[in-house]
C-alpha atoms as a PDB file:
ATOM      1  CA  SER A   1      24.414   1.167  -8.041  1.00  0.00           C
ATOM      2  CA  PRO A   2      27.367  -1.137  -8.705  1.00  0.00           C
ATOM      3  CA  GLN A   3      28.077  -1.227  -4.965  1.00  0.00           C
ATOM      4  CA  THR A   4      24.667  -2.699  -4.145  1.00  0.00           C
ATOM      5  CA  LEU A   5      23.918  -4.784  -7.235  1.00  0.00           C
ATOM      6  CA  HIS A   6      24.430  -8.062  -5.363  1.00  0.00           C
ATOM      7  CA  TYR A   7      22.094  -6.904  -2.592  1.00  0.00           C
ATOM      8  CA  ALA A   8      19.332  -5.926  -5.031  1.00  0.00           C
ATOM      9  CA  ALA A   9      19.697  -9.204  -6.926  1.00  0.00           C
ATOM     10  CA  ALA A  10      19.377 -11.210  -3.704  1.00  0.00           C
ATOM     11  CA  LYS A  11      16.236  -9.323  -2.684  1.00  0.00           C
ATOM     12  CA  SER A  12      14.679  -9.857  -6.095  1.00  0.00           C
ATOM     13  CA  THR A  13      15.474 -13.561  -5.939  1.00  0.00           C
ATOM     14  CA  LEU A  14      13.902 -13.818  -2.489  1.00  0.00           C
ATOM     15  CA  GLU A  15      10.669 -12.336  -3.835  1.00  0.00           C
ATOM     16  CA  THR A  16      10.575 -14.823  -6.728  1.00  0.00           C
ATOM     17  CA  VAL A  17      11.298 -17.775  -4.439  1.00  0.00           C
ATOM     18  CA  THR A  18       8.578 -16.604  -2.044  1.00  0.00           C
ATOM     19  CA  LEU A  19       5.966 -16.656  -4.791  1.00  0.00           C
ATOM     20  CA  GLY A  20       7.120 -20.035  -6.127  1.00  0.00           C
ATOM     21  CA  LEU A  21       7.150 -21.666  -2.707  1.00  0.00           C
ATOM     22  CA  ALA A  22       3.740 -20.189  -1.881  1.00  0.00           C
ATOM     23  CA  LYS A  23       2.255 -21.779  -4.995  1.00  0.00           C
ATOM     24  CA  ALA A  24       3.946 -25.098  -4.243  1.00  0.00           C
ATOM     25  CA  GLY A  25       2.885 -25.055  -0.596  1.00  0.00           C
ATOM     26  CA  ALA A  26      -0.719 -23.929  -1.051  1.00  0.00           C
ATOM     27  CA  PRO A  27      -2.165 -27.389  -1.834  1.00  0.00           C
ATOM     28  CA  HIS A  28      -0.616 -28.585   1.441  1.00  0.00           C
ATOM     29  CA  GLY A  29      -1.846 -25.678   3.561  1.00  0.00           C
ATOM     30  CA  VAL A  30       1.623 -24.138   3.779  1.00  0.00           C
ATOM     31  CA  LEU A  31       1.701 -20.342   3.682  1.00  0.00           C
ATOM     32  CA  VAL A  32       4.841 -18.602   2.448  1.00  0.00           C
ATOM     33  CA  ASN A  33       5.382 -14.859   2.719  1.00  0.00           C
ATOM     34  CA  ALA A  34       8.369 -12.545   2.998  1.00  0.00           C
ATOM     35  CA  ILE A  35       9.114  -9.334   4.806  1.00  0.00           C
ATOM     36  CA  ARG A  36      11.195  -6.690   3.063  1.00  0.00           C
ATOM     37  CA  PRO A  37      12.560  -4.432   5.798  1.00  0.00           C
ATOM     38  CA  GLY A  38      13.522  -0.876   5.080  1.00  0.00           C
ATOM     39  CA  VAL A  39      16.110   0.948   7.158  1.00  0.00           C
ATOM     40  CA  ILE A  40      16.035  -0.741  10.553  1.00  0.00           C
ATOM     41  CA  GLU A  41      18.021   0.435  13.585  1.00  0.00           C
ATOM     42  CA  THR A  42      20.515  -2.420  13.852  1.00  0.00           C
ATOM     43  CA  GLY A  43      24.265  -2.865  13.895  1.00  0.00           C
ATOM     44  CA  PHE A  44      24.174  -3.030  10.094  1.00  0.00           C
ATOM     45  CA  HIS A  45      24.289   0.766  10.062  1.00  0.00           C
ATOM     46  CA  GLU A  46      27.087   1.192  12.592  1.00  0.00           C
ATOM     47  CA  GLY A  47      29.914   3.310  11.317  1.00  0.00           C
ATOM     48  CA  LYS A  48      27.741   5.888   9.604  1.00  0.00           C
ATOM     49  CA  SER A  49      28.366   9.410  10.739  1.00  0.00           C
ATOM     50  CA  PRO A  50      25.454  11.254  12.330  1.00  0.00           C
ATOM     51  CA  ALA A  51      25.176  13.348   9.154  1.00  0.00           C
ATOM     52  CA  GLU A  52      25.100  10.241   6.923  1.00  0.00           C
ATOM     53  CA  TRP A  53      22.497   8.623   9.163  1.00  0.00           C
ATOM     54  CA  GLN A  54      20.301  11.727   9.162  1.00  0.00           C
ATOM     55  CA  ALA A  55      20.573  12.063   5.388  1.00  0.00           C
ATOM     56  CA  ARG A  56      19.372   8.474   5.045  1.00  0.00           C
ATOM     57  CA  ILE A  57      16.500   8.994   7.501  1.00  0.00           C
ATOM     58  CA  ASP A  58      15.425  12.113   5.594  1.00  0.00           C
ATOM     59  CA  LEU A  59      14.729   9.903   2.553  1.00  0.00           C
ATOM     60  CA  ILE A  60      12.128   7.862   4.463  1.00  0.00           C
ATOM     61  CA  PRO A  61       8.587   9.278   4.180  1.00  0.00           C
ATOM     62  CA  LEU A  62       7.860   8.595   7.880  1.00  0.00           C
ATOM     63  CA  LYS A  63      11.169  10.333   8.768  1.00  0.00           C
ATOM     64  CA  ARG A  64      12.414   7.623  11.100  1.00  0.00           C
ATOM     65  CA  ALA A  65      14.191   4.315  10.949  1.00  0.00           C
ATOM     66  CA  GLY A  66      12.291   1.199  11.819  1.00  0.00           C
ATOM     67  CA  THR A  67      13.079  -0.959  14.804  1.00  0.00           C
ATOM     68  CA  PRO A  68      13.374  -4.707  15.165  1.00  0.00           C
ATOM     69  CA  LEU A  69      10.009  -4.533  16.953  1.00  0.00           C
ATOM     70  CA  ASP A  70       8.410  -3.108  13.782  1.00  0.00           C
ATOM     71  CA  ILE A  71       9.511  -6.264  11.964  1.00  0.00           C
ATOM     72  CA  ALA A  72       8.387  -8.486  14.833  1.00  0.00           C
ATOM     73  CA  TRP A  73       4.860  -7.017  14.691  1.00  0.00           C
ATOM     74  CA  MET A  74       4.619  -7.992  11.017  1.00  0.00           C
ATOM     75  CA  VAL A  75       5.822 -11.511  11.810  1.00  0.00           C
ATOM     76  CA  LEU A  76       3.244 -11.825  14.579  1.00  0.00           C
ATOM     77  CA  TYR A  77       0.485 -10.619  12.246  1.00  0.00           C
ATOM     78  CA  LEU A  78       1.391 -13.228   9.651  1.00  0.00           C
ATOM     79  CA  LEU A  79       1.615 -15.976  12.279  1.00  0.00           C
ATOM     80  CA  SER A  80      -1.768 -15.096  13.747  1.00  0.00           C
ATOM     81  CA  MET A  81      -5.130 -16.316  12.501  1.00  0.00           C
ATOM     82  CA  THR A  82      -5.490 -12.906  10.870  1.00  0.00           C
ATOM     83  CA  GLY A  83      -2.899 -13.974   8.313  1.00  0.00           C
ATOM     84  CA  ASP A  84      -4.343 -17.403   7.550  1.00  0.00           C
ATOM     85  CA  PHE A  85      -5.404 -16.473   3.997  1.00  0.00           C
ATOM     86  CA  ILE A  86      -2.229 -14.641   3.024  1.00  0.00           C
ATOM     87  CA  THR A  87       0.404 -16.384   0.931  1.00  0.00           C
ATOM     88  CA  GLY A  88       2.857 -15.424  -1.789  1.00  0.00           C
ATOM     89  CA  GLN A  89       3.169 -11.850  -0.583  1.00  0.00           C
ATOM     90  CA  VAL A  90       6.142  -9.628   0.122  1.00  0.00           C
ATOM     91  CA  PHE A  91       5.465  -7.056   2.824  1.00  0.00           C
ATOM     92  CA  ALA A  92       7.541  -3.902   2.905  1.00  0.00           C
ATOM     93  CA  VAL A  93       8.040  -2.690   6.453  1.00  0.00           C
ATOM     94  CA  SER A  94       9.862   0.404   5.394  1.00  0.00           C
ATOM     95  CA  GLY A  95       8.254   3.600   6.586  1.00  0.00           C
ATOM     96  CA  GLY A  96       6.876   4.282   3.112  1.00  0.00           C
ATOM     97  CA  GLU A  97       9.983   3.701   1.014  1.00  0.00           C
END
């Protein structure tokens, strides 16, 4: 929508930069990935009425908002040895959206 065009453009740019930096960093052993959070329970959503909040949650396939801990688990995965062959990826932590 016109109200969120700038937000969508920034997210798209982040994905392109992630891929470019991953390719540039790979010969040096530098891994570059991004996390694309969905609706996360933070102050960003303050001011929404309970009805607005519930309507937004109802759009998420898992029927709940994420938490900062959900994002932290993804960060920890990527920082662990488990993620040592992952680069140039954008991970949606979004409850299925």
